[in-house]
N, C-alpha and C. Protein backbone atom coordinates (compact mmCIF):
# COMPACT_ATOMS: atom_id res chain seq x y z
N UNK A 1 3.93 3.69 -58.67
CA UNK A 1 4.18 2.28 -58.40
C UNK A 1 4.09 1.54 -59.74
N UNK A 2 5.06 0.68 -59.98
CA UNK A 2 5.06 -0.10 -61.22
C UNK A 2 3.95 -1.15 -61.20
N UNK A 3 3.65 -1.66 -62.40
CA UNK A 3 2.63 -2.71 -62.49
C UNK A 3 3.01 -3.95 -61.70
N UNK A 4 4.29 -4.28 -61.73
CA UNK A 4 4.77 -5.45 -61.00
C UNK A 4 4.63 -5.25 -59.49
N UNK A 5 5.00 -4.05 -59.03
CA UNK A 5 4.89 -3.74 -57.60
C UNK A 5 3.43 -3.74 -57.15
N UNK A 6 2.55 -3.22 -57.99
CA UNK A 6 1.12 -3.20 -57.66
C UNK A 6 0.56 -4.62 -57.58
N UNK A 7 0.96 -5.47 -58.52
CA UNK A 7 0.52 -6.87 -58.49
C UNK A 7 1.01 -7.56 -57.23
N UNK A 8 2.27 -7.36 -56.92
CA UNK A 8 2.86 -7.99 -55.72
C UNK A 8 2.13 -7.51 -54.46
N UNK A 9 1.83 -6.22 -54.39
CA UNK A 9 1.10 -5.68 -53.25
C UNK A 9 -0.29 -6.32 -53.16
N UNK A 10 -0.96 -6.48 -54.30
CA UNK A 10 -2.29 -7.11 -54.31
C UNK A 10 -2.22 -8.57 -53.87
N UNK A 11 -1.23 -9.30 -54.36
CA UNK A 11 -1.05 -10.70 -53.95
C UNK A 11 -0.87 -10.77 -52.44
N UNK A 12 -0.03 -9.93 -51.92
CA UNK A 12 0.25 -9.97 -50.46
C UNK A 12 -0.96 -9.57 -49.64
N UNK A 13 -1.72 -8.59 -50.11
CA UNK A 13 -2.93 -8.18 -49.37
C UNK A 13 -3.94 -9.33 -49.31
N UNK A 14 -4.18 -9.98 -50.45
CA UNK A 14 -5.12 -11.11 -50.48
C UNK A 14 -4.62 -12.26 -49.62
N UNK A 15 -3.31 -12.51 -49.65
CA UNK A 15 -2.75 -13.59 -48.82
C UNK A 15 -2.91 -13.28 -47.33
N UNK A 16 -2.69 -12.04 -46.95
CA UNK A 16 -2.87 -11.66 -45.54
C UNK A 16 -4.32 -11.87 -45.13
N UNK A 17 -5.26 -11.45 -45.97
CA UNK A 17 -6.68 -11.67 -45.67
C UNK A 17 -6.97 -13.16 -45.48
N UNK A 18 -6.48 -13.98 -46.39
CA UNK A 18 -6.72 -15.41 -46.31
C UNK A 18 -6.11 -16.01 -45.04
N UNK A 19 -4.88 -15.63 -44.72
CA UNK A 19 -4.20 -16.16 -43.54
C UNK A 19 -4.91 -15.72 -42.26
N UNK A 20 -5.34 -14.47 -42.19
CA UNK A 20 -6.07 -14.00 -41.01
C UNK A 20 -7.34 -14.82 -40.81
N UNK A 21 -8.09 -15.06 -41.88
CA UNK A 21 -9.31 -15.87 -41.79
C UNK A 21 -9.00 -17.31 -41.38
N UNK A 22 -7.92 -17.85 -41.92
CA UNK A 22 -7.52 -19.22 -41.59
C UNK A 22 -7.13 -19.32 -40.11
N UNK A 23 -6.39 -18.36 -39.62
CA UNK A 23 -5.98 -18.35 -38.21
C UNK A 23 -7.19 -18.19 -37.30
N UNK A 24 -8.08 -17.26 -37.65
CA UNK A 24 -9.28 -17.07 -36.82
C UNK A 24 -10.15 -18.33 -36.82
N UNK A 25 -10.28 -18.95 -37.97
CA UNK A 25 -11.06 -20.18 -38.07
C UNK A 25 -10.44 -21.27 -37.19
N UNK A 26 -9.14 -21.37 -37.23
CA UNK A 26 -8.47 -22.37 -36.40
C UNK A 26 -8.55 -22.05 -34.91
N UNK A 27 -8.36 -20.79 -34.57
CA UNK A 27 -8.36 -20.38 -33.16
C UNK A 27 -9.70 -20.66 -32.49
N UNK A 28 -10.78 -20.63 -33.26
CA UNK A 28 -12.09 -20.88 -32.67
C UNK A 28 -12.29 -22.35 -32.31
N UNK A 29 -11.40 -23.22 -32.77
CA UNK A 29 -11.54 -24.64 -32.44
C UNK A 29 -10.98 -24.96 -31.05
N UNK A 30 -10.21 -24.06 -30.46
CA UNK A 30 -9.68 -24.31 -29.12
C UNK A 30 -10.74 -24.20 -28.02
N UNK A 31 -11.48 -23.09 -27.94
CA UNK A 31 -12.42 -22.92 -26.82
C UNK A 31 -13.85 -23.37 -27.13
N UNK A 32 -14.02 -24.51 -27.77
CA UNK A 32 -15.34 -24.91 -28.25
C UNK A 32 -16.44 -24.90 -27.18
N UNK A 33 -16.16 -25.45 -26.01
CA UNK A 33 -17.20 -25.56 -24.98
C UNK A 33 -17.67 -24.18 -24.56
N UNK A 34 -16.72 -23.31 -24.21
CA UNK A 34 -17.09 -21.96 -23.77
C UNK A 34 -17.71 -21.15 -24.90
N UNK A 35 -17.17 -21.34 -26.09
CA UNK A 35 -17.66 -20.64 -27.26
C UNK A 35 -19.12 -20.99 -27.54
N UNK A 36 -19.46 -22.25 -27.39
CA UNK A 36 -20.83 -22.68 -27.67
C UNK A 36 -21.81 -22.17 -26.61
N UNK A 37 -21.35 -22.13 -25.36
CA UNK A 37 -22.21 -21.55 -24.31
C UNK A 37 -22.47 -20.07 -24.61
N UNK A 38 -21.43 -19.36 -25.02
CA UNK A 38 -21.55 -17.95 -25.35
C UNK A 38 -22.49 -17.78 -26.55
N UNK A 39 -22.31 -18.60 -27.58
CA UNK A 39 -23.15 -18.53 -28.78
C UNK A 39 -24.61 -18.76 -28.42
N UNK A 40 -24.86 -19.76 -27.60
CA UNK A 40 -26.24 -20.05 -27.20
C UNK A 40 -26.85 -18.86 -26.46
N UNK A 41 -26.09 -18.25 -25.56
CA UNK A 41 -26.58 -17.07 -24.82
C UNK A 41 -26.91 -15.92 -25.77
N UNK A 42 -26.03 -15.67 -26.71
CA UNK A 42 -26.25 -14.58 -27.66
C UNK A 42 -27.49 -14.87 -28.52
N UNK A 43 -27.61 -16.10 -28.99
CA UNK A 43 -28.77 -16.45 -29.82
C UNK A 43 -30.07 -16.29 -29.04
N UNK A 44 -30.06 -16.68 -27.77
CA UNK A 44 -31.27 -16.51 -26.94
C UNK A 44 -31.59 -15.02 -26.75
N UNK A 45 -30.55 -14.22 -26.51
CA UNK A 45 -30.75 -12.78 -26.33
C UNK A 45 -31.31 -12.13 -27.59
N UNK A 46 -30.99 -12.69 -28.74
CA UNK A 46 -31.47 -12.16 -30.02
C UNK A 46 -32.80 -12.79 -30.46
N UNK A 47 -33.42 -13.58 -29.59
CA UNK A 47 -34.70 -14.24 -29.85
C UNK A 47 -34.64 -15.20 -31.04
N UNK A 48 -33.48 -15.79 -31.27
CA UNK A 48 -33.33 -16.74 -32.38
C UNK A 48 -34.23 -17.96 -32.20
N UNK A 49 -34.43 -18.47 -30.96
CA UNK A 49 -35.32 -19.64 -30.82
C UNK A 49 -36.72 -19.41 -31.38
N UNK A 50 -37.20 -18.16 -31.33
CA UNK A 50 -38.54 -17.85 -31.85
C UNK A 50 -38.58 -17.87 -33.37
N UNK A 51 -37.45 -17.50 -34.00
CA UNK A 51 -37.42 -17.35 -35.45
C UNK A 51 -36.79 -18.54 -36.17
N UNK A 52 -35.81 -19.16 -35.53
CA UNK A 52 -35.11 -20.31 -36.14
C UNK A 52 -34.99 -21.44 -35.10
N UNK A 53 -36.12 -22.07 -34.79
CA UNK A 53 -36.08 -23.10 -33.74
C UNK A 53 -35.18 -24.29 -34.10
N UNK A 54 -35.08 -24.62 -35.38
CA UNK A 54 -34.22 -25.73 -35.80
C UNK A 54 -32.76 -25.44 -35.50
N UNK A 55 -32.34 -24.22 -35.78
CA UNK A 55 -30.96 -23.82 -35.48
C UNK A 55 -30.72 -23.90 -33.98
N UNK A 56 -31.67 -23.42 -33.19
CA UNK A 56 -31.50 -23.42 -31.74
C UNK A 56 -31.44 -24.85 -31.19
N UNK A 57 -32.28 -25.74 -31.72
CA UNK A 57 -32.23 -27.14 -31.27
C UNK A 57 -30.87 -27.75 -31.59
N UNK A 58 -30.33 -27.43 -32.76
CA UNK A 58 -29.02 -27.96 -33.15
C UNK A 58 -27.92 -27.43 -32.22
N UNK A 59 -27.95 -26.13 -31.95
CA UNK A 59 -26.95 -25.53 -31.05
C UNK A 59 -27.05 -26.17 -29.67
N UNK A 60 -28.26 -26.37 -29.17
CA UNK A 60 -28.44 -27.01 -27.85
C UNK A 60 -27.92 -28.44 -27.86
N UNK A 61 -28.19 -29.16 -28.95
CA UNK A 61 -27.73 -30.56 -29.05
C UNK A 61 -26.21 -30.63 -29.05
N UNK A 62 -25.60 -29.75 -29.84
CA UNK A 62 -24.13 -29.74 -29.90
C UNK A 62 -23.56 -29.32 -28.56
N UNK A 63 -24.15 -28.30 -27.92
CA UNK A 63 -23.69 -27.87 -26.60
C UNK A 63 -23.81 -29.00 -25.58
N UNK A 64 -24.94 -29.71 -25.59
CA UNK A 64 -25.12 -30.86 -24.68
C UNK A 64 -24.03 -31.90 -24.92
N UNK A 65 -23.76 -32.20 -26.19
CA UNK A 65 -22.74 -33.19 -26.52
C UNK A 65 -21.36 -32.75 -26.06
N UNK A 66 -21.04 -31.49 -26.29
CA UNK A 66 -19.73 -30.98 -25.85
C UNK A 66 -19.62 -30.95 -24.33
N UNK A 67 -20.71 -30.56 -23.66
CA UNK A 67 -20.68 -30.56 -22.19
C UNK A 67 -20.45 -31.96 -21.65
N UNK A 68 -21.16 -32.94 -22.21
CA UNK A 68 -21.01 -34.33 -21.75
C UNK A 68 -19.60 -34.84 -22.06
N UNK A 69 -19.11 -34.51 -23.23
CA UNK A 69 -17.76 -34.95 -23.61
C UNK A 69 -16.73 -34.30 -22.69
N UNK A 70 -16.87 -33.01 -22.46
CA UNK A 70 -15.92 -32.28 -21.61
C UNK A 70 -15.94 -32.83 -20.18
N UNK A 71 -17.11 -33.19 -19.69
CA UNK A 71 -17.24 -33.69 -18.32
C UNK A 71 -16.71 -35.11 -18.17
N UNK A 72 -16.99 -35.97 -19.14
CA UNK A 72 -16.66 -37.39 -19.00
C UNK A 72 -15.44 -37.83 -19.80
N UNK A 73 -15.22 -37.20 -20.96
CA UNK A 73 -14.13 -37.63 -21.85
C UNK A 73 -13.42 -36.42 -22.46
N UNK A 74 -12.84 -35.56 -21.63
CA UNK A 74 -12.24 -34.34 -22.17
C UNK A 74 -11.11 -34.60 -23.17
N UNK A 75 -10.51 -35.77 -23.10
CA UNK A 75 -9.42 -36.10 -24.04
C UNK A 75 -9.90 -36.12 -25.49
N UNK A 76 -11.21 -36.33 -25.71
CA UNK A 76 -11.73 -36.31 -27.08
C UNK A 76 -11.64 -34.91 -27.70
N UNK A 77 -11.71 -33.89 -26.86
CA UNK A 77 -11.61 -32.52 -27.36
C UNK A 77 -10.19 -32.20 -27.84
N UNK A 78 -9.26 -33.05 -27.48
CA UNK A 78 -7.88 -32.90 -27.96
C UNK A 78 -7.84 -32.96 -29.49
N UNK A 79 -8.78 -33.68 -30.08
CA UNK A 79 -8.87 -33.75 -31.54
C UNK A 79 -9.14 -32.38 -32.16
N UNK A 80 -9.96 -31.57 -31.50
CA UNK A 80 -10.21 -30.23 -32.03
C UNK A 80 -9.01 -29.31 -31.80
N UNK A 81 -8.20 -29.62 -30.77
CA UNK A 81 -6.96 -28.86 -30.59
C UNK A 81 -6.04 -29.10 -31.78
N UNK A 82 -6.00 -30.34 -32.24
CA UNK A 82 -5.18 -30.67 -33.41
C UNK A 82 -5.75 -30.03 -34.66
N UNK A 83 -7.07 -29.94 -34.76
CA UNK A 83 -7.70 -29.26 -35.88
C UNK A 83 -7.26 -27.79 -35.90
N UNK A 84 -7.31 -27.15 -34.74
CA UNK A 84 -6.88 -25.75 -34.64
C UNK A 84 -5.41 -25.62 -35.03
N UNK A 85 -4.58 -26.52 -34.52
CA UNK A 85 -3.15 -26.49 -34.83
C UNK A 85 -2.92 -26.64 -36.32
N UNK A 86 -3.66 -27.52 -36.97
CA UNK A 86 -3.51 -27.72 -38.42
C UNK A 86 -3.81 -26.43 -39.18
N UNK A 87 -4.84 -25.69 -38.75
CA UNK A 87 -5.14 -24.41 -39.39
C UNK A 87 -3.95 -23.46 -39.25
N UNK A 88 -3.36 -23.42 -38.07
CA UNK A 88 -2.24 -22.52 -37.83
C UNK A 88 -1.02 -22.91 -38.66
N UNK A 89 -0.76 -24.21 -38.76
CA UNK A 89 0.38 -24.69 -39.55
C UNK A 89 0.16 -24.38 -41.03
N UNK A 90 -1.04 -24.62 -41.51
CA UNK A 90 -1.32 -24.32 -42.92
C UNK A 90 -1.16 -22.82 -43.18
N UNK A 91 -1.59 -22.00 -42.23
CA UNK A 91 -1.43 -20.55 -42.39
C UNK A 91 0.05 -20.17 -42.54
N UNK A 92 0.91 -20.82 -41.78
CA UNK A 92 2.35 -20.55 -41.87
C UNK A 92 2.88 -20.87 -43.27
N UNK A 93 2.35 -21.90 -43.90
CA UNK A 93 2.80 -22.28 -45.23
C UNK A 93 2.61 -21.14 -46.25
N UNK A 94 1.65 -20.26 -46.00
CA UNK A 94 1.39 -19.18 -46.93
C UNK A 94 2.41 -18.05 -46.84
N UNK A 95 3.38 -18.17 -45.93
CA UNK A 95 4.49 -17.22 -45.90
C UNK A 95 5.33 -17.38 -47.17
N UNK A 96 5.43 -18.60 -47.69
CA UNK A 96 6.19 -18.84 -48.92
C UNK A 96 5.67 -18.00 -50.08
N UNK A 97 4.38 -18.08 -50.42
CA UNK A 97 3.86 -17.25 -51.50
C UNK A 97 3.91 -15.75 -51.18
N UNK A 98 3.82 -15.41 -49.91
CA UNK A 98 3.93 -14.00 -49.54
C UNK A 98 5.32 -13.49 -49.89
N UNK A 99 6.32 -14.28 -49.58
CA UNK A 99 7.72 -13.91 -49.82
C UNK A 99 8.08 -13.97 -51.31
N UNK A 100 7.73 -15.06 -51.96
CA UNK A 100 8.08 -15.25 -53.37
C UNK A 100 6.90 -15.94 -54.07
N UNK A 101 5.92 -15.14 -54.51
CA UNK A 101 4.68 -15.71 -55.05
C UNK A 101 4.88 -16.63 -56.26
N UNK A 102 5.69 -16.23 -57.20
CA UNK A 102 5.83 -17.02 -58.43
C UNK A 102 6.44 -18.38 -58.10
N UNK A 103 7.46 -18.40 -57.30
CA UNK A 103 8.13 -19.66 -56.95
C UNK A 103 7.24 -20.58 -56.11
N UNK A 104 6.38 -19.98 -55.30
CA UNK A 104 5.57 -20.76 -54.35
C UNK A 104 4.09 -20.79 -54.69
N UNK A 105 3.76 -20.64 -55.96
CA UNK A 105 2.35 -20.68 -56.39
C UNK A 105 1.71 -22.02 -56.01
N UNK A 106 2.52 -23.06 -55.89
CA UNK A 106 2.00 -24.38 -55.55
C UNK A 106 1.28 -24.37 -54.20
N UNK A 107 1.70 -23.51 -53.27
CA UNK A 107 1.03 -23.44 -51.96
C UNK A 107 -0.39 -22.92 -52.15
N UNK A 108 -0.54 -21.93 -53.01
CA UNK A 108 -1.87 -21.37 -53.30
C UNK A 108 -2.73 -22.43 -53.96
N UNK A 109 -2.17 -23.17 -54.91
CA UNK A 109 -2.92 -24.23 -55.58
C UNK A 109 -3.27 -25.35 -54.60
N UNK A 110 -2.37 -25.66 -53.69
CA UNK A 110 -2.67 -26.63 -52.62
C UNK A 110 -3.86 -26.15 -51.79
N UNK A 111 -3.86 -24.86 -51.45
CA UNK A 111 -4.98 -24.30 -50.69
C UNK A 111 -6.29 -24.39 -51.44
N UNK A 112 -6.23 -24.17 -52.76
CA UNK A 112 -7.45 -24.27 -53.58
C UNK A 112 -7.96 -25.71 -53.61
N UNK A 113 -7.04 -26.65 -53.70
CA UNK A 113 -7.44 -28.07 -53.68
C UNK A 113 -8.07 -28.41 -52.33
N UNK A 114 -7.47 -27.90 -51.24
CA UNK A 114 -8.03 -28.15 -49.91
C UNK A 114 -9.43 -27.56 -49.78
N UNK A 115 -9.63 -26.36 -50.33
CA UNK A 115 -10.96 -25.74 -50.30
C UNK A 115 -11.98 -26.60 -51.06
N UNK A 116 -11.56 -27.12 -52.21
CA UNK A 116 -12.45 -27.98 -52.99
C UNK A 116 -12.75 -29.27 -52.23
N UNK A 117 -11.78 -29.77 -51.49
CA UNK A 117 -11.96 -31.00 -50.73
C UNK A 117 -12.95 -30.90 -49.59
N UNK A 118 -13.23 -29.69 -49.15
CA UNK A 118 -14.21 -29.50 -48.07
C UNK A 118 -15.58 -29.99 -48.51
N UNK A 119 -15.91 -29.80 -49.77
CA UNK A 119 -17.26 -30.14 -50.25
C UNK A 119 -17.54 -31.64 -50.18
N UNK A 120 -16.70 -32.51 -50.77
CA UNK A 120 -17.00 -33.93 -50.62
C UNK A 120 -16.90 -34.41 -49.17
N UNK A 121 -15.99 -33.82 -48.40
CA UNK A 121 -15.89 -34.21 -46.99
C UNK A 121 -17.21 -33.94 -46.27
N UNK A 122 -17.75 -32.75 -46.46
CA UNK A 122 -19.01 -32.39 -45.81
C UNK A 122 -20.17 -33.25 -46.31
N UNK A 123 -20.19 -33.52 -47.61
CA UNK A 123 -21.28 -34.32 -48.18
C UNK A 123 -21.23 -35.78 -47.77
N UNK A 124 -20.02 -36.30 -47.54
CA UNK A 124 -19.88 -37.71 -47.16
C UNK A 124 -19.94 -37.88 -45.64
N UNK A 125 -19.10 -37.13 -44.94
CA UNK A 125 -18.99 -37.32 -43.49
C UNK A 125 -20.14 -36.70 -42.71
N UNK A 126 -20.71 -35.60 -43.25
CA UNK A 126 -21.83 -34.96 -42.56
C UNK A 126 -22.97 -35.93 -42.27
N UNK A 127 -23.50 -36.61 -43.29
CA UNK A 127 -24.59 -37.56 -43.03
C UNK A 127 -24.14 -38.73 -42.15
N UNK A 128 -22.90 -39.18 -42.31
CA UNK A 128 -22.42 -40.29 -41.48
C UNK A 128 -22.37 -39.91 -40.00
N UNK A 129 -22.16 -38.64 -39.72
CA UNK A 129 -22.06 -38.16 -38.32
C UNK A 129 -23.34 -37.53 -37.81
N UNK A 130 -24.40 -37.58 -38.61
CA UNK A 130 -25.69 -37.03 -38.17
C UNK A 130 -25.75 -35.51 -38.22
N UNK A 131 -24.96 -34.89 -39.09
CA UNK A 131 -24.96 -33.44 -39.22
C UNK A 131 -26.11 -33.05 -40.15
N UNK A 132 -26.93 -32.08 -39.75
CA UNK A 132 -28.02 -31.64 -40.65
C UNK A 132 -27.44 -31.10 -41.96
N UNK A 133 -28.15 -31.32 -43.04
CA UNK A 133 -27.65 -30.89 -44.35
C UNK A 133 -27.40 -29.39 -44.39
N UNK A 134 -28.29 -28.60 -43.78
CA UNK A 134 -28.10 -27.14 -43.80
C UNK A 134 -26.81 -26.75 -43.10
N UNK A 135 -26.38 -27.52 -42.09
CA UNK A 135 -25.10 -27.23 -41.42
C UNK A 135 -23.94 -27.62 -42.33
N UNK A 136 -24.09 -28.70 -43.07
CA UNK A 136 -23.06 -29.08 -44.04
C UNK A 136 -22.89 -27.99 -45.10
N UNK A 137 -23.98 -27.33 -45.46
CA UNK A 137 -23.88 -26.21 -46.40
C UNK A 137 -23.03 -25.08 -45.82
N UNK A 138 -23.20 -24.83 -44.52
CA UNK A 138 -22.37 -23.82 -43.86
C UNK A 138 -20.90 -24.25 -43.91
N UNK A 139 -20.65 -25.51 -43.60
CA UNK A 139 -19.27 -26.01 -43.67
C UNK A 139 -18.70 -25.88 -45.08
N UNK A 140 -19.50 -26.24 -46.08
CA UNK A 140 -19.03 -26.15 -47.47
C UNK A 140 -18.75 -24.71 -47.88
N UNK A 141 -19.45 -23.77 -47.27
CA UNK A 141 -19.24 -22.36 -47.62
C UNK A 141 -17.81 -21.92 -47.28
N UNK A 142 -17.17 -22.56 -46.30
CA UNK A 142 -15.78 -22.22 -45.99
C UNK A 142 -14.89 -22.52 -47.19
N UNK A 143 -15.16 -23.61 -47.87
CA UNK A 143 -14.39 -23.94 -49.07
C UNK A 143 -14.69 -23.00 -50.21
N UNK A 144 -15.97 -22.68 -50.38
CA UNK A 144 -16.38 -21.79 -51.47
C UNK A 144 -15.80 -20.39 -51.24
N UNK A 145 -15.97 -19.87 -50.05
CA UNK A 145 -15.46 -18.52 -49.77
C UNK A 145 -13.94 -18.51 -49.63
N UNK A 146 -13.36 -19.61 -49.21
CA UNK A 146 -11.90 -19.68 -49.09
C UNK A 146 -11.20 -19.70 -50.43
N UNK A 147 -11.83 -20.32 -51.43
CA UNK A 147 -11.18 -20.43 -52.73
C UNK A 147 -11.19 -19.08 -53.47
N UNK A 148 -12.09 -18.20 -53.13
CA UNK A 148 -12.18 -16.92 -53.85
C UNK A 148 -10.88 -16.11 -53.73
N UNK A 149 -10.40 -15.81 -52.52
CA UNK A 149 -9.14 -15.05 -52.46
C UNK A 149 -7.97 -15.82 -53.07
N UNK A 150 -7.98 -17.13 -52.93
CA UNK A 150 -6.88 -17.93 -53.50
C UNK A 150 -6.92 -17.90 -55.02
N UNK A 151 -8.11 -17.91 -55.60
CA UNK A 151 -8.24 -17.81 -57.05
C UNK A 151 -7.70 -16.46 -57.53
N UNK A 152 -8.08 -15.40 -56.83
CA UNK A 152 -7.59 -14.06 -57.17
C UNK A 152 -6.07 -14.01 -57.07
N UNK A 153 -5.53 -14.57 -56.00
CA UNK A 153 -4.08 -14.59 -55.79
C UNK A 153 -3.40 -15.38 -56.92
N UNK A 154 -3.94 -16.53 -57.26
CA UNK A 154 -3.33 -17.35 -58.31
C UNK A 154 -3.32 -16.60 -59.64
N UNK A 155 -4.41 -15.95 -59.95
CA UNK A 155 -4.49 -15.18 -61.19
C UNK A 155 -3.45 -14.05 -61.21
N UNK A 156 -3.31 -13.37 -60.08
CA UNK A 156 -2.33 -12.29 -59.98
C UNK A 156 -0.90 -12.83 -60.06
N UNK A 157 -0.66 -13.99 -59.46
CA UNK A 157 0.68 -14.58 -59.52
C UNK A 157 1.01 -14.97 -60.96
N UNK A 158 0.04 -15.50 -61.69
CA UNK A 158 0.25 -15.84 -63.10
C UNK A 158 0.62 -14.58 -63.90
N UNK A 159 -0.07 -13.47 -63.63
CA UNK A 159 0.26 -12.21 -64.29
C UNK A 159 1.67 -11.75 -63.92
N UNK A 160 2.00 -11.90 -62.66
CA UNK A 160 3.33 -11.53 -62.17
C UNK A 160 4.40 -12.37 -62.85
N UNK A 161 4.15 -13.65 -63.01
CA UNK A 161 5.10 -14.55 -63.68
C UNK A 161 5.29 -14.14 -65.14
N UNK A 162 4.18 -13.77 -65.79
CA UNK A 162 4.25 -13.31 -67.19
C UNK A 162 5.09 -12.05 -67.31
N UNK A 163 4.84 -11.11 -66.41
CA UNK A 163 5.60 -9.85 -66.42
C UNK A 163 7.09 -10.11 -66.19
N UNK A 164 7.38 -11.01 -65.27
CA UNK A 164 8.77 -11.34 -64.96
C UNK A 164 9.44 -11.99 -66.16
N UNK A 165 8.74 -12.91 -66.81
CA UNK A 165 9.30 -13.60 -67.98
C UNK A 165 9.56 -12.61 -69.11
N UNK A 166 8.63 -11.68 -69.33
CA UNK A 166 8.81 -10.69 -70.39
C UNK A 166 9.99 -9.77 -70.08
N UNK A 167 10.10 -9.37 -68.82
CA UNK A 167 11.19 -8.50 -68.41
C UNK A 167 12.55 -9.18 -68.60
N UNK A 168 12.59 -10.48 -68.31
CA UNK A 168 13.84 -11.22 -68.46
C UNK A 168 14.17 -11.48 -69.94
N UNK A 169 13.15 -11.54 -70.79
CA UNK A 169 13.37 -11.81 -72.21
C UNK A 169 13.77 -10.55 -72.97
N UNK A 170 13.39 -9.40 -72.44
CA UNK A 170 13.71 -8.13 -73.08
C UNK A 170 15.13 -7.73 -72.70
N UNK A 171 16.01 -7.54 -73.68
CA UNK A 171 17.37 -7.14 -73.35
C UNK A 171 17.41 -5.71 -72.82
N UNK A 172 18.24 -5.52 -71.83
CA UNK A 172 18.39 -4.19 -71.24
C UNK A 172 19.15 -3.29 -72.20
N UNK A 173 18.73 -2.04 -72.31
CA UNK A 173 19.43 -1.11 -73.21
C UNK A 173 20.18 -0.08 -72.44
């Protein structure tokens, strides 16, 4: 396999990983009420309340809020449906770099900017919405861990662009 083919394969593998994580992250926003009941059951079965009572109180509070919202104002959960949809739409945008990485590097850079934007969003909106700081750290970790594969992809695309430019500059013999 040529160096160019290996780079392209690496770019595509990292992009697939990123897109799968993005889709899974988005898909979990659809069944929030049921998902939280399941999470609470699992945490209780694992004796988490004994070891991390603060986490358990937070999960119970969020579950109570979602239950009340679902019972009295289910239309508010429509906002999380749009959140999930946005994840899926953004994932589709990464087909461009998958198909032609050099031409569509801007999508990867857009994703990196979005990952960076998670941090100020969590730091500003978290306290405004009464989110515990430790939970905001979890939210911020999505941006930190999300930027890693995108950084790797961007670096590989830059190498791919260099190789392509050199190949085009070298006259064929």
